[in-house]
Structures are given as C-alpha cells and as structure tokens.
Amino acid sequence: MTAEELKQIFGRAVPDRGKLQEIRLRAGKPVLVFMDGREYMVGREGLLEPDADLSPVLADPALIREILGIFSRHSLYAFEDEIRQGFLTIEGGHRVGIAGKAVTEGSGLRTIRDISSLNIRLAHEKPGCGDPVLPWLYENGRLQNTLILSPPGAGKTTLLRDVVRQVSNGNRYGPGLQTAVVDERSELGACFKGVPQCDLGMRTDVMDGCPKALGMVMMIRSMAPGAVAVDEIGDREDLEALRYVMKCGCRILATVHGSSPEDLKKKPVLAEMVREGMFSRYVALSRRLGPGTVEAVCDGELRLLAGKGCQNEESGAGSPETEGKAEASGA
C-alpha cells in the first residue's frame, strides 16, 4: 500500500477529520485511529471496532518509510536532533512519535533507525476552553501562580495553551502580560521551524525544544516576561528554576500529571512546592465527562474554591448544561 492509497482510504473511512486525535501505524499491524477518546481500526470503507471480525487496513514497513519520508521532506538527516528525542514536529504543529532500532553512543541516544512505528498526534486548539476557569486564576486583577493537573489525555496541555493565549492577549480579569513559553516537547506552541503553529497570544515568546529548567532561566534573562508557562513539571531542577522565576516577580502557569490536588502531597518534589505555597491556584481535570472535565479549582492551601463547572458570578453555579466541561482535549 502507498501513502496515496492510504490517504484515499482515510477520505472514505474518516470523513470528519476534525475529530481525529491520533493515527497509529505499526509494521504488520492494523492502522488505528483515536477519535473523541475512542479507538478504531481503519477499514477500506469505514471505521471498525477494535474487536471487529473484519479485515482492517494493515501498515507495512514500506508504507511507514514512505510516510516518514514525506514528513521529513525526504531528508531525515535534517531532523536528526528531533529524532533523538523520539518525535518530529511537522507543519501545522502535528507531532509524529517514532519507534524502532535505537542507535546509542556512550550513555546517550545517537539516532533511531529501522523505524517500525509512527504515532501521529494531531495538534488541536480549543479557543475559549479556558473560559470556565479563567475567573478563578485572577485576584484583584493579578494573575495567580497556577498549576493544572490531570491524568494523561485529560486536557491539561490544551487548557494551558488557551490560558496562555488569554493571559497574553489580556482578558476581562486582567491586562495582557508579556509571556514566555518554554516548550520542551514542542507541544504547547507546536513550533515548525521555530514558528508556533498554535495561537499563544500576541505577547508570547516561545523557546522551543529547550529543557524546562534551562529555558525558564534563559527567558527571564532575555525576554523580561511577566508570566512564564511550562508543561509537565516534576523534578528537582524544575523546582529550582520555578523558585528563580518567582523571585524575579514573574507569574507561573504550569501543568503536572495527577488525579487530584491531594496527589501532589505523595510526590516529594511536588509536595515541597505545596508546602512552600509556590502556587496559589490548582486546577484539577479528568475525563469523567470527556477530556477537559474540570473537577476542582483550589487555593494555595488546597481548599476548594470551585467545583464542577467553575461557573463565574454572572453565570451561576452548577448548571447541568455546563457541568464540568472545559472542552479541552488531546493533551
């Protein structure tokens, strides 16, 4: 099968590509797609349930090589640095994870060859998904240091992206801030050739592919931001860099893996952040009603400020039409 043939099959099997989240190709295995949090096999005329007793479309090594050649513009060497991290970022901000034969050098990874798996994660923006929580992230017109936590795939990166956009542009709760994004995994801005493919706001500067701790210090020194945003913090170096950022008077917007604010106390570094009161707002997400379900907004002492829905003073609280949905997805 060729890439063009697969493209035609997708045209028939997946008419609404806007709902696509992931496409997975593994040599000799069925082509799988994820849509609205559900997994399907791709058939020649439509989507199939994972356990369907039908013949799905199979990927093969030649197809994977061809697709990878298209993504890299037939110059994998030009993407060598990204390949060492296990993924490529292509035009549009879509991220292509790769797996195959690792070639090591000393204690590090030199490259990946004989690539046998691709995970194509489509970049999704959800403008406005931060609206339900935004009122709780400000106090007297001042942005609060905020940590968004959720299990994988529950929308924390998508929510952070929209909050960054609104903080950068300015909103009804506070003026626009010069904002620095340190995008270690190229997910927040989805940069292609250094240019963010996602809208992070008009006052936002992005340091792409840079380790978080190093990037935060660099951006403070070079870009003089009022707020710094990072995705998936958690180690000791991150903690020290966050301390430095806060001493410089900058606001922090960050994410971490976790199911509830109480989970933070079970992880030594994160527990230290809680004890020190580094964050004055915690936003907990889940997939209970789909990706981006807002379970709680808490203050710096983990006291509940808002529950499901996070309605502001004008919209009322707890209406069943809006319960818990921040409409974020794909993190």
C-alpha atoms as a PDB file:
ATOM      1  CA  MET A   1       0.000   0.000   0.000  1.00  0.00           C
ATOM      2  CA  THR A   2       1.186   3.512  -0.793  1.00  0.00           C
ATOM      3  CA  ALA A   3       0.677   6.709   1.167  1.00  0.00           C
ATOM      4  CA  GLU A   4      -1.657   7.999  -1.578  1.00  0.00           C
ATOM      5  CA  GLU A   5      -3.806   4.864  -1.313  1.00  0.00           C
ATOM      6  CA  LEU A   6      -3.986   5.256   2.463  1.00  0.00           C
ATOM      7  CA  LYS A   7      -4.969   8.906   2.014  1.00  0.00           C
ATOM      8  CA  GLN A   8      -7.862   7.871  -0.232  1.00  0.00           C
ATOM      9  CA  ILE A   9      -8.968   5.220   2.279  1.00  0.00           C
ATOM     10  CA  PHE A  10      -8.943   7.841   5.032  1.00  0.00           C
ATOM     11  CA  GLY A  11     -11.076  10.078   2.851  1.00  0.00           C
ATOM     12  CA  ARG A  12     -13.754   7.381   2.798  1.00  0.00           C
ATOM     13  CA  ALA A  13     -13.315   5.969   6.307  1.00  0.00           C
ATOM     14  CA  VAL A  14     -12.842   9.197   8.259  1.00  0.00           C
ATOM     15  CA  PRO A  15     -14.975  11.935   6.671  1.00  0.00           C
ATOM     16  CA  ASP A  16     -14.811  14.215   9.725  1.00  0.00           C
ATOM     17  CA  ARG A  17     -11.065  14.600  10.193  1.00  0.00           C
ATOM     18  CA  GLY A  18     -11.545  17.451  12.640  1.00  0.00           C
ATOM     19  CA  LYS A  19     -12.322  14.892  15.327  1.00  0.00           C
ATOM     20  CA  LEU A  20      -9.122  12.907  14.773  1.00  0.00           C
ATOM     21  CA  GLN A  21      -6.725  12.872  17.713  1.00  0.00           C
ATOM     22  CA  GLU A  22      -4.168  10.197  16.821  1.00  0.00           C
ATOM     23  CA  ILE A  23      -3.221   7.889  13.961  1.00  0.00           C
ATOM     24  CA  ARG A  24      -1.039   4.914  14.814  1.00  0.00           C
ATOM     25  CA  LEU A  25       0.842   2.848  12.256  1.00  0.00           C
ATOM     26  CA  ARG A  26       2.804  -0.259  13.246  1.00  0.00           C
ATOM     27  CA  ALA A  27       4.537  -2.550  10.756  1.00  0.00           C
ATOM     28  CA  GLY A  28       2.304  -5.530  10.003  1.00  0.00           C
ATOM     29  CA  LYS A  29      -0.499  -4.318  12.276  1.00  0.00           C
ATOM     30  CA  PRO A  30      -3.880  -2.629  11.690  1.00  0.00           C
ATOM     31  CA  VAL A  31      -3.939   1.131  11.237  1.00  0.00           C
ATOM     32  CA  LEU A  32      -5.590   2.581  14.355  1.00  0.00           C
ATOM     33  CA  VAL A  33      -7.175   5.976  14.912  1.00  0.00           C
ATOM     34  CA  PHE A  34      -8.386   7.730  18.038  1.00  0.00           C
ATOM     35  CA  MET A  35     -11.439   9.975  17.781  1.00  0.00           C
ATOM     36  CA  ASP A  36     -13.259  11.567  20.725  1.00  0.00           C
ATOM     37  CA  GLY A  37     -11.266   9.379  23.079  1.00  0.00           C
ATOM     38  CA  ARG A  38     -12.254   6.122  21.337  1.00  0.00           C
ATOM     39  CA  GLU A  39     -10.064   3.748  19.371  1.00  0.00           C
ATOM     40  CA  TYR A  40     -10.988   2.347  15.941  1.00  0.00           C
ATOM     41  CA  MET A  41      -9.360   0.235  13.271  1.00  0.00           C
ATOM     42  CA  VAL A  42      -9.387   1.643   9.749  1.00  0.00           C
ATOM     43  CA  GLY A  43     -11.205  -0.400   7.123  1.00  0.00           C
ATOM     44  CA  ARG A  44     -11.285   0.324   3.406  1.00  0.00           C
ATOM     45  CA  GLU A  45     -14.776   1.786   3.605  1.00  0.00           C
ATOM     46  CA  GLY A  46     -15.160   2.872   7.199  1.00  0.00           C
ATOM     47  CA  LEU A  47     -14.054   2.648  10.798  1.00  0.00           C
ATOM     48  CA  LEU A  48     -14.129  -0.694  12.592  1.00  0.00           C
ATOM     49  CA  GLU A  49     -14.400  -1.531  16.265  1.00  0.00           C
ATOM     50  CA  PRO A  50     -11.119  -2.881  17.701  1.00  0.00           C
ATOM     51  CA  ASP A  51     -12.527  -6.404  18.050  1.00  0.00           C
ATOM     52  CA  ALA A  52     -14.388  -6.429  14.723  1.00  0.00           C
ATOM     53  CA  ASP A  53     -14.127  -9.720  12.818  1.00  0.00           C
ATOM     54  CA  LEU A  54     -13.299  -7.939   9.569  1.00  0.00           C
ATOM     55  CA  SER A  55     -10.149  -7.202   7.579  1.00  0.00           C
ATOM     56  CA  PRO A  56      -8.643  -3.855   8.587  1.00  0.00           C
ATOM     57  CA  VAL A  57      -6.066  -1.909   6.625  1.00  0.00           C
ATOM     58  CA  LEU A  58      -2.573  -3.065   7.594  1.00  0.00           C
ATOM     59  CA  ALA A  59       0.536  -0.912   7.692  1.00  0.00           C
ATOM     60  CA  ASP A  60       3.806  -2.293   6.328  1.00  0.00           C
ATOM     61  CA  PRO A  61       7.443  -1.148   6.616  1.00  0.00           C
ATOM     62  CA  ALA A  62       7.430   0.370   3.116  1.00  0.00           C
ATOM     63  CA  LEU A  63       4.364   2.484   3.914  1.00  0.00           C
ATOM     64  CA  ILE A  64       5.906   3.700   7.164  1.00  0.00           C
ATOM     65  CA  ARG A  65       9.145   4.636   5.366  1.00  0.00           C
ATOM     66  CA  GLU A  66       7.209   6.491   2.669  1.00  0.00           C
ATOM     67  CA  ILE A  67       5.118   8.458   5.156  1.00  0.00           C
ATOM     68  CA  LEU A  68       8.186   9.313   7.221  1.00  0.00           C
ATOM     69  CA  GLY A  69       9.926  10.470   4.029  1.00  0.00           C
ATOM     70  CA  ILE A  70       7.010  12.779   3.236  1.00  0.00           C
ATOM     71  CA  PHE A  71       7.007  14.216   6.756  1.00  0.00           C
ATOM     72  CA  SER A  72      10.776  14.830   6.689  1.00  0.00           C
ATOM     73  CA  ARG A  73      10.725  16.100   3.101  1.00  0.00           C
ATOM     74  CA  HIS A  74      12.972  13.128   2.266  1.00  0.00           C
ATOM     75  CA  SER A  75      15.759  14.459   4.470  1.00  0.00           C
ATOM     76  CA  LEU A  76      15.712  12.621   7.791  1.00  0.00           C
ATOM     77  CA  TYR A  77      19.190  13.956   8.468  1.00  0.00           C
ATOM     78  CA  ALA A  78      17.737  17.456   8.809  1.00  0.00           C
ATOM     79  CA  PHE A  79      15.537  16.156  11.643  1.00  0.00           C
ATOM     80  CA  GLU A  80      18.319  14.259  13.425  1.00  0.00           C
ATOM     81  CA  ASP A  81      18.067  16.332  16.627  1.00  0.00           C
ATOM     82  CA  GLU A  82      14.316  15.763  16.862  1.00  0.00           C
ATOM     83  CA  ILE A  83      14.653  12.063  16.068  1.00  0.00           C
ATOM     84  CA  ARG A  84      16.971  11.719  19.058  1.00  0.00           C
ATOM     85  CA  GLN A  85      14.046  12.883  21.192  1.00  0.00           C
ATOM     86  CA  GLY A  86      11.749  10.306  19.607  1.00  0.00           C
ATOM     87  CA  PHE A  87       9.494  12.548  17.531  1.00  0.00           C
ATOM     88  CA  LEU A  88       9.205  15.018  14.658  1.00  0.00           C
ATOM     89  CA  THR A  89       7.088  18.166  14.593  1.00  0.00           C
ATOM     90  CA  ILE A  90       5.654  18.816  11.148  1.00  0.00           C
ATOM     91  CA  GLU A  91       3.928  21.768   9.514  1.00  0.00           C
ATOM     92  CA  GLY A  92       0.666  22.542  11.264  1.00  0.00           C
ATOM     93  CA  GLY A  93       2.206  21.654  14.617  1.00  0.00           C
ATOM     94  CA  HIS A  94       1.348  17.952  14.373  1.00  0.00           C
ATOM     95  CA  ARG A  95       3.701  15.669  16.279  1.00  0.00           C
ATOM     96  CA  VAL A  96       4.926  12.337  14.918  1.00  0.00           C
ATOM     97  CA  GLY A  97       6.258   9.933  17.537  1.00  0.00           C
ATOM     98  CA  ILE A  98       8.622   7.242  16.264  1.00  0.00           C
ATOM     99  CA  ALA A  99       9.945   3.900  17.490  1.00  0.00           C
ATOM    100  CA  GLY A 100      12.406   1.460  16.015  1.00  0.00           C
ATOM    101  CA  LYS A 101      16.067   0.459  16.407  1.00  0.00           C
ATOM    102  CA  ALA A 102      17.875   2.732  18.852  1.00  0.00           C
ATOM    103  CA  VAL A 103      21.493   3.559  17.987  1.00  0.00           C
ATOM    104  CA  THR A 104      23.353   4.553  21.141  1.00  0.00           C
ATOM    105  CA  GLU A 105      26.568   6.448  21.661  1.00  0.00           C
ATOM    106  CA  GLY A 106      28.069   6.200  25.120  1.00  0.00           C
ATOM    107  CA  SER A 107      25.184   6.640  27.521  1.00  0.00           C
ATOM    108  CA  GLY A 108      23.104   8.683  25.071  1.00  0.00           C
ATOM    109  CA  LEU A 109      20.934   8.063  22.027  1.00  0.00           C
ATOM    110  CA  ARG A 110      22.517   8.958  18.686  1.00  0.00           C
ATOM    111  CA  THR A 111      19.546   8.233  16.433  1.00  0.00           C
ATOM    112  CA  ILE A 112      16.671   5.833  15.717  1.00  0.00           C
ATOM    113  CA  ARG A 113      16.794   3.657  12.614  1.00  0.00           C
ATOM    114  CA  ASP A 114      14.625   0.931  11.048  1.00  0.00           C
ATOM    115  CA  ILE A 115      11.574   2.861  12.204  1.00  0.00           C
ATOM    116  CA  SER A 116       8.645   0.481  12.607  1.00  0.00           C
ATOM    117  CA  SER A 117       6.020   2.577  14.420  1.00  0.00           C
ATOM    118  CA  LEU A 118       4.549   6.033  13.942  1.00  0.00           C
ATOM    119  CA  ASN A 119       2.181   7.839  16.305  1.00  0.00           C
ATOM    120  CA  ILE A 120       0.748  10.895  14.543  1.00  0.00           C
ATOM    121  CA  ARG A 121      -0.769  13.229  17.131  1.00  0.00           C
ATOM    122  CA  LEU A 122      -2.826  15.943  15.527  1.00  0.00           C
ATOM    123  CA  ALA A 123      -2.458  19.390  17.041  1.00  0.00           C
ATOM    124  CA  HIS A 124      -5.763  20.696  18.347  1.00  0.00           C
ATOM    125  CA  GLU A 125      -6.610  24.153  19.571  1.00  0.00           C
ATOM    126  CA  LYS A 126      -9.746  24.835  21.582  1.00  0.00           C
ATOM    127  CA  PRO A 127     -10.067  28.627  21.752  1.00  0.00           C
ATOM    128  CA  GLY A 128     -12.159  29.543  24.746  1.00  0.00           C
ATOM    129  CA  CYS A 129     -11.689  26.265  26.611  1.00  0.00           C
ATOM    130  CA  GLY A 130     -10.078  28.232  29.428  1.00  0.00           C
ATOM    131  CA  ASP A 131     -13.154  30.418  29.954  1.00  0.00           C
ATOM    132  CA  PRO A 132     -14.692  28.331  32.776  1.00  0.00           C
ATOM    133  CA  VAL A 133     -11.554  28.516  34.945  1.00  0.00           C
ATOM    134  CA  LEU A 134     -10.175  31.933  33.985  1.00  0.00           C
ATOM    135  CA  PRO A 135     -12.142  33.922  36.633  1.00  0.00           C
ATOM    136  CA  TRP A 136     -10.554  31.811  39.366  1.00  0.00           C
ATOM    137  CA  LEU A 137      -6.994  32.399  38.138  1.00  0.00           C
ATOM    138  CA  TYR A 138      -7.039  36.114  38.946  1.00  0.00           C
ATOM    139  CA  GLU A 139      -7.274  38.007  42.211  1.00  0.00           C
ATOM    140  CA  ASN A 140      -7.737  41.789  42.219  1.00  0.00           C
ATOM    141  CA  GLY A 141      -6.721  41.901  38.575  1.00  0.00           C
ATOM    142  CA  ARG A 142      -3.479  39.980  39.176  1.00  0.00           C
ATOM    143  CA  LEU A 143      -2.747  36.561  37.652  1.00  0.00           C
ATOM    144  CA  GLN A 144      -2.110  33.868  40.258  1.00  0.00           C
ATOM    145  CA  ASN A 145       0.609  31.225  40.096  1.00  0.00           C
ATOM    146  CA  THR A 146      -1.363  28.285  38.702  1.00  0.00           C
ATOM    147  CA  LEU A 147      -0.750  24.537  38.434  1.00  0.00           C
ATOM    148  CA  ILE A 148      -3.044  22.466  36.189  1.00  0.00           C
ATOM    149  CA  LEU A 149      -3.089  18.756  36.947  1.00  0.00           C
ATOM    150  CA  SER A 150      -4.700  15.832  35.199  1.00  0.00           C
ATOM    151  CA  PRO A 151      -4.123  12.218  34.177  1.00  0.00           C
ATOM    152  CA  PRO A 152      -2.689  11.698  30.661  1.00  0.00           C
ATOM    153  CA  GLY A 153      -5.131  12.644  27.904  1.00  0.00           C
ATOM    154  CA  ALA A 154      -7.438  14.690  30.128  1.00  0.00           C
ATOM    155  CA  GLY A 155      -6.708  18.047  28.528  1.00  0.00           C
ATOM    156  CA  LYS A 156      -4.119  19.822  30.669  1.00  0.00           C
ATOM    157  CA  THR A 157      -1.898  20.910  27.770  1.00  0.00           C
ATOM    158  CA  THR A 158      -4.847  22.128  25.708  1.00  0.00           C
ATOM    159  CA  LEU A 159      -6.208  24.061  28.674  1.00  0.00           C
ATOM    160  CA  LEU A 160      -2.802  25.580  29.422  1.00  0.00           C
ATOM    161  CA  ARG A 161      -2.432  26.632  25.783  1.00  0.00           C
ATOM    162  CA  ASP A 162      -5.695  28.578  25.859  1.00  0.00           C
ATOM    163  CA  VAL A 163      -4.987  30.124  29.258  1.00  0.00           C
ATOM    164  CA  VAL A 164      -1.611  31.312  27.921  1.00  0.00           C
ATOM    165  CA  ARG A 165      -3.349  32.844  24.895  1.00  0.00           C
ATOM    166  CA  GLN A 166      -5.822  34.733  27.055  1.00  0.00           C
ATOM    167  CA  VAL A 167      -3.199  35.847  29.578  1.00  0.00           C
ATOM    168  CA  SER A 168      -1.010  37.101  26.733  1.00  0.00           C
ATOM    169  CA  ASN A 169      -3.783  38.944  24.891  1.00  0.00           C
ATOM    170  CA  GLY A 170      -5.433  40.273  28.035  1.00  0.00           C
ATOM    171  CA  ASN A 171      -8.957  39.499  29.180  1.00  0.00           C
ATOM    172  CA  ARG A 172     -11.727  40.916  31.336  1.00  0.00           C
ATOM    173  CA  TYR A 173      -9.957  39.798  34.516  1.00  0.00           C
ATOM    174  CA  GLY A 174      -6.515  41.261  33.872  1.00  0.00           C
ATOM    175  CA  PRO A 175      -4.336  43.140  31.356  1.00  0.00           C
ATOM    176  CA  GLY A 176      -2.206  41.351  28.772  1.00  0.00           C
ATOM    177  CA  LEU A 177       1.166  40.109  30.042  1.00  0.00           C
ATOM    178  CA  GLN A 178       4.462  39.553  28.247  1.00  0.00           C
ATOM    179  CA  THR A 179       4.502  35.755  28.403  1.00  0.00           C
ATOM    180  CA  ALA A 180       7.373  33.303  27.921  1.00  0.00           C
ATOM    181  CA  VAL A 181       6.636  29.680  26.978  1.00  0.00           C
ATOM    182  CA  VAL A 182       9.331  27.058  27.473  1.00  0.00           C
ATOM    183  CA  ASP A 183       8.146  24.260  25.204  1.00  0.00           C
ATOM    184  CA  GLU A 184      10.483  21.341  25.870  1.00  0.00           C
ATOM    185  CA  ARG A 185       8.393  18.781  23.958  1.00  0.00           C
ATOM    186  CA  SER A 186       7.113  21.131  21.228  1.00  0.00           C
ATOM    187  CA  GLU A 187       3.522  20.572  22.334  1.00  0.00           C
ATOM    188  CA  LEU A 188       2.305  23.909  23.641  1.00  0.00           C
ATOM    189  CA  GLY A 189       3.259  26.045  20.658  1.00  0.00           C
ATOM    190  CA  ALA A 190       3.726  23.140  18.205  1.00  0.00           C
ATOM    191  CA  CYS A 191       6.544  25.088  16.555  1.00  0.00           C
ATOM    192  CA  PHE A 192       7.573  24.377  12.977  1.00  0.00           C
ATOM    193  CA  LYS A 193      10.917  25.916  12.010  1.00  0.00           C
ATOM    194  CA  GLY A 194      10.762  27.998  15.166  1.00  0.00           C
ATOM    195  CA  VAL A 195       7.327  29.483  14.486  1.00  0.00           C
ATOM    196  CA  PRO A 196       4.408  28.471  16.773  1.00  0.00           C
ATOM    197  CA  GLN A 197       1.610  26.829  14.799  1.00  0.00           C
ATOM    198  CA  CYS A 198      -0.805  27.288  17.703  1.00  0.00           C
ATOM    199  CA  ASP A 199      -2.085  30.675  18.824  1.00  0.00           C
ATOM    200  CA  LEU A 200      -0.400  31.526  22.121  1.00  0.00           C
ATOM    201  CA  GLY A 201      -1.292  35.195  22.082  1.00  0.00           C
ATOM    202  CA  MET A 202       0.247  38.385  20.767  1.00  0.00           C
ATOM    203  CA  ARG A 203       2.634  38.962  23.703  1.00  0.00           C
ATOM    204  CA  THR A 204       4.073  35.439  23.843  1.00  0.00           C
ATOM    205  CA  ASP A 205       7.640  34.341  23.071  1.00  0.00           C
ATOM    206  CA  VAL A 206       8.420  30.631  22.702  1.00  0.00           C
ATOM    207  CA  MET A 207      11.655  28.776  23.448  1.00  0.00           C
ATOM    208  CA  ASP A 208      11.095  25.508  21.592  1.00  0.00           C
ATOM    209  CA  GLY A 209      12.755  22.173  22.333  1.00  0.00           C
ATOM    210  CA  CYS A 210      14.672  23.514  25.336  1.00  0.00           C
ATOM    211  CA  PRO A 211      14.877  21.752  28.738  1.00  0.00           C
ATOM    212  CA  LYS A 212      12.432  23.445  31.068  1.00  0.00           C
ATOM    213  CA  ALA A 213      14.809  24.458  33.850  1.00  0.00           C
ATOM    214  CA  LEU A 214      17.380  25.917  31.462  1.00  0.00           C
ATOM    215  CA  GLY A 215      14.725  27.575  29.313  1.00  0.00           C
ATOM    216  CA  MET A 216      12.999  29.312  32.221  1.00  0.00           C
ATOM    217  CA  VAL A 217      16.235  30.965  33.341  1.00  0.00           C
ATOM    218  CA  MET A 218      17.121  31.935  29.767  1.00  0.00           C
ATOM    219  CA  MET A 219      13.733  33.511  29.088  1.00  0.00           C
ATOM    220  CA  ILE A 220      13.792  35.518  32.330  1.00  0.00           C
ATOM    221  CA  ARG A 221      17.177  36.963  31.368  1.00  0.00           C
ATOM    222  CA  SER A 222      16.467  37.577  27.705  1.00  0.00           C
ATOM    223  CA  MET A 223      12.746  38.353  27.280  1.00  0.00           C
ATOM    224  CA  ALA A 224      11.729  40.033  30.570  1.00  0.00           C
ATOM    225  CA  PRO A 225       8.344  38.259  30.800  1.00  0.00           C
ATOM    226  CA  GLY A 226       5.569  38.935  33.271  1.00  0.00           C
ATOM    227  CA  ALA A 227       4.476  35.284  33.138  1.00  0.00           C
ATOM    228  CA  VAL A 228       6.241  32.015  32.327  1.00  0.00           C
ATOM    229  CA  ALA A 229       4.428  28.860  31.126  1.00  0.00           C
ATOM    230  CA  VAL A 230       5.790  25.305  31.149  1.00  0.00           C
ATOM    231  CA  ASP A 231       4.261  21.885  30.591  1.00  0.00           C
ATOM    232  CA  GLU A 232       4.732  18.824  32.827  1.00  0.00           C
ATOM    233  CA  ILE A 233       6.977  19.914  35.678  1.00  0.00           C
ATOM    234  CA  GLY A 234       8.107  17.498  38.352  1.00  0.00           C
ATOM    235  CA  ASP A 235      11.836  17.160  39.064  1.00  0.00           C
ATOM    236  CA  ARG A 236      14.266  18.955  41.339  1.00  0.00           C
ATOM    237  CA  GLU A 237      15.698  21.125  38.543  1.00  0.00           C
ATOM    238  CA  ASP A 238      12.196  22.359  37.701  1.00  0.00           C
ATOM    239  CA  LEU A 239      11.655  23.296  41.347  1.00  0.00           C
ATOM    240  CA  GLU A 240      14.838  25.370  41.498  1.00  0.00           C
ATOM    241  CA  ALA A 241      14.032  27.114  38.218  1.00  0.00           C
ATOM    242  CA  LEU A 242      10.496  27.909  39.430  1.00  0.00           C
ATOM    243  CA  ARG A 243      11.936  29.446  42.584  1.00  0.00           C
ATOM    244  CA  TYR A 244      14.186  31.630  40.451  1.00  0.00           C
ATOM    245  CA  VAL A 245      11.280  32.727  38.228  1.00  0.00           C
ATOM    246  CA  MET A 246       9.136  33.651  41.209  1.00  0.00           C
ATOM    247  CA  LYS A 247      11.946  35.588  42.896  1.00  0.00           C
ATOM    248  CA  CYS A 248      12.087  37.655  39.709  1.00  0.00           C
ATOM    249  CA  GLY A 249       8.435  38.604  40.230  1.00  0.00           C
ATOM    250  CA  CYS A 250       7.013  36.538  37.346  1.00  0.00           C
ATOM    251  CA  ARG A 251       3.772  34.610  37.428  1.00  0.00           C
ATOM    252  CA  ILE A 252       3.881  30.857  36.704  1.00  0.00           C
ATOM    253  CA  LEU A 253       1.487  28.757  34.625  1.00  0.00           C
ATOM    254  CA  ALA A 254       2.362  25.053  34.672  1.00  0.00           C
ATOM    255  CA  THR A 255       0.990  21.528  34.379  1.00  0.00           C
ATOM    256  CA  VAL A 256       1.731  18.224  36.059  1.00  0.00           C
ATOM    257  CA  HIS A 257       0.429  14.653  35.941  1.00  0.00           C
ATOM    258  CA  GLY A 258      -2.005  13.871  38.744  1.00  0.00           C
ATOM    259  CA  SER A 259      -5.600  12.982  39.525  1.00  0.00           C
ATOM    260  CA  SER A 260      -6.298  15.445  42.333  1.00  0.00           C
ATOM    261  CA  PRO A 261      -4.550  18.189  44.322  1.00  0.00           C
ATOM    262  CA  GLU A 262      -4.102  15.707  47.164  1.00  0.00           C
ATOM    263  CA  ASP A 263      -1.958  13.566  44.835  1.00  0.00           C
ATOM    264  CA  LEU A 264       0.702  16.280  44.886  1.00  0.00           C
ATOM    265  CA  LYS A 265       1.481  15.516  48.523  1.00  0.00           C
ATOM    266  CA  LYS A 266       2.518  11.961  47.568  1.00  0.00           C
ATOM    267  CA  LYS A 267       5.393  13.133  45.338  1.00  0.00           C
ATOM    268  CA  PRO A 268       8.408  14.576  47.197  1.00  0.00           C
ATOM    269  CA  VAL A 269       9.255  17.472  44.870  1.00  0.00           C
ATOM    270  CA  LEU A 270       5.630  18.451  44.294  1.00  0.00           C
ATOM    271  CA  ALA A 271       4.858  18.143  48.000  1.00  0.00           C
ATOM    272  CA  GLU A 272       7.677  20.602  48.631  1.00  0.00           C
ATOM    273  CA  MET A 273       6.070  23.053  46.189  1.00  0.00           C
ATOM    274  CA  VAL A 274       2.767  22.740  48.053  1.00  0.00           C
ATOM    275  CA  ARG A 275       4.405  23.285  51.453  1.00  0.00           C
ATOM    276  CA  GLU A 276       6.196  26.371  50.189  1.00  0.00           C
ATOM    277  CA  GLY A 277       2.966  27.788  48.760  1.00  0.00           C
ATOM    278  CA  MET A 278       4.526  28.225  45.316  1.00  0.00           C
ATOM    279  CA  PHE A 279       1.123  28.011  43.663  1.00  0.00           C
ATOM    280  CA  SER A 280      -1.968  29.864  44.799  1.00  0.00           C
ATOM    281  CA  ARG A 281      -4.293  28.095  42.340  1.00  0.00           C
ATOM    282  CA  TYR A 282      -4.663  24.406  41.460  1.00  0.00           C
ATOM    283  CA  VAL A 283      -6.955  23.253  38.634  1.00  0.00           C
ATOM    284  CA  ALA A 284      -7.778  19.519  38.532  1.00  0.00           C
ATOM    285  CA  LEU A 285      -9.063  17.938  35.310  1.00  0.00           C
ATOM    286  CA  SER A 286     -10.377  14.485  34.464  1.00  0.00           C
ATOM    287  CA  ARG A 287     -12.062  12.633  31.603  1.00  0.00           C
ATOM    288  CA  ARG A 288     -15.246  11.985  33.588  1.00  0.00           C
ATOM    289  CA  LEU A 289     -17.432  13.861  31.087  1.00  0.00           C
ATOM    290  CA  GLY A 290     -14.805  13.751  28.357  1.00  0.00           C
ATOM    291  CA  PRO A 291     -11.359  15.399  28.125  1.00  0.00           C
ATOM    292  CA  GLY A 292     -11.236  18.703  29.960  1.00  0.00           C
ATOM    293  CA  THR A 293     -13.748  17.927  32.701  1.00  0.00           C
ATOM    294  CA  VAL A 294     -12.989  20.433  35.466  1.00  0.00           C
ATOM    295  CA  GLU A 295     -13.205  18.640  38.796  1.00  0.00           C
ATOM    296  CA  ALA A 296     -11.930  21.351  41.124  1.00  0.00           C
ATOM    297  CA  VAL A 297     -10.199  24.689  41.491  1.00  0.00           C
ATOM    298  CA  CYS A 298      -8.345  25.042  44.797  1.00  0.00           C
ATOM    299  CA  ASP A 299      -6.351  27.788  46.500  1.00  0.00           C
ATOM    300  CA  GLY A 300      -2.755  27.510  47.677  1.00  0.00           C
ATOM    301  CA  GLU A 301      -3.805  25.552  50.773  1.00  0.00           C
ATOM    302  CA  LEU A 302      -5.803  23.108  48.631  1.00  0.00           C
ATOM    303  CA  ARG A 303      -9.121  24.493  49.831  1.00  0.00           C
ATOM    304  CA  LEU A 304     -11.898  24.174  47.264  1.00  0.00           C
ATOM    305  CA  LEU A 305     -12.781  27.426  45.502  1.00  0.00           C
ATOM    306  CA  ALA A 306     -14.954  25.959  42.754  1.00  0.00           C
ATOM    307  CA  GLY A 307     -16.216  22.547  41.787  1.00  0.00           C
ATOM    308  CA  LYS A 308     -17.680  21.012  38.683  1.00  0.00           C
ATOM    309  CA  GLY A 309     -18.349  23.632  36.065  1.00  0.00           C
ATOM    310  CA  CYS A 310     -16.452  26.516  37.708  1.00  0.00           C
ATOM    311  CA  GLN A 311     -19.224  28.953  36.918  1.00  0.00           C
ATOM    312  CA  ASN A 312     -18.409  32.603  37.490  1.00  0.00           C
ATOM    313  CA  GLU A 313     -20.520  35.093  39.373  1.00  0.00           C
ATOM    314  CA  GLU A 314     -22.569  36.053  36.309  1.00  0.00           C
ATOM    315  CA  SER A 315     -23.443  32.587  35.082  1.00  0.00           C
ATOM    316  CA  GLY A 316     -24.385  30.912  38.340  1.00  0.00           C
ATOM    317  CA  ALA A 317     -23.038  27.609  39.620  1.00  0.00           C
ATOM    318  CA  GLY A 318     -23.668  24.008  38.898  1.00  0.00           C
ATOM    319  CA  SER A 319     -25.961  24.238  35.878  1.00  0.00           C
ATOM    320  CA  PRO A 320     -26.281  20.765  34.311  1.00  0.00           C
ATOM    321  CA  GLU A 321     -25.724  22.158  30.819  1.00  0.00           C
ATOM    322  CA  THR A 322     -22.172  23.205  31.648  1.00  0.00           C
ATOM    323  CA  GLU A 323     -21.230  20.861  34.455  1.00  0.00           C
ATOM    324  CA  GLY A 324     -17.529  20.178  34.428  1.00  0.00           C
ATOM    325  CA  LYS A 325     -16.814  20.797  30.746  1.00  0.00           C
ATOM    326  CA  ALA A 326     -13.840  22.977  29.834  1.00  0.00           C
ATOM    327  CA  GLU A 327     -13.806  21.484  26.328  1.00  0.00           C
ATOM    328  CA  ALA A 328     -10.083  20.802  26.369  1.00  0.00           C
ATOM    329  CA  SER A 329      -8.725  17.703  24.647  1.00  0.00           C
ATOM    330  CA  GLY A 330      -5.665  15.949  23.347  1.00  0.00           C
ATOM    331  CA  ALA A 331      -3.086  16.660  25.998  1.00  0.00           C
END
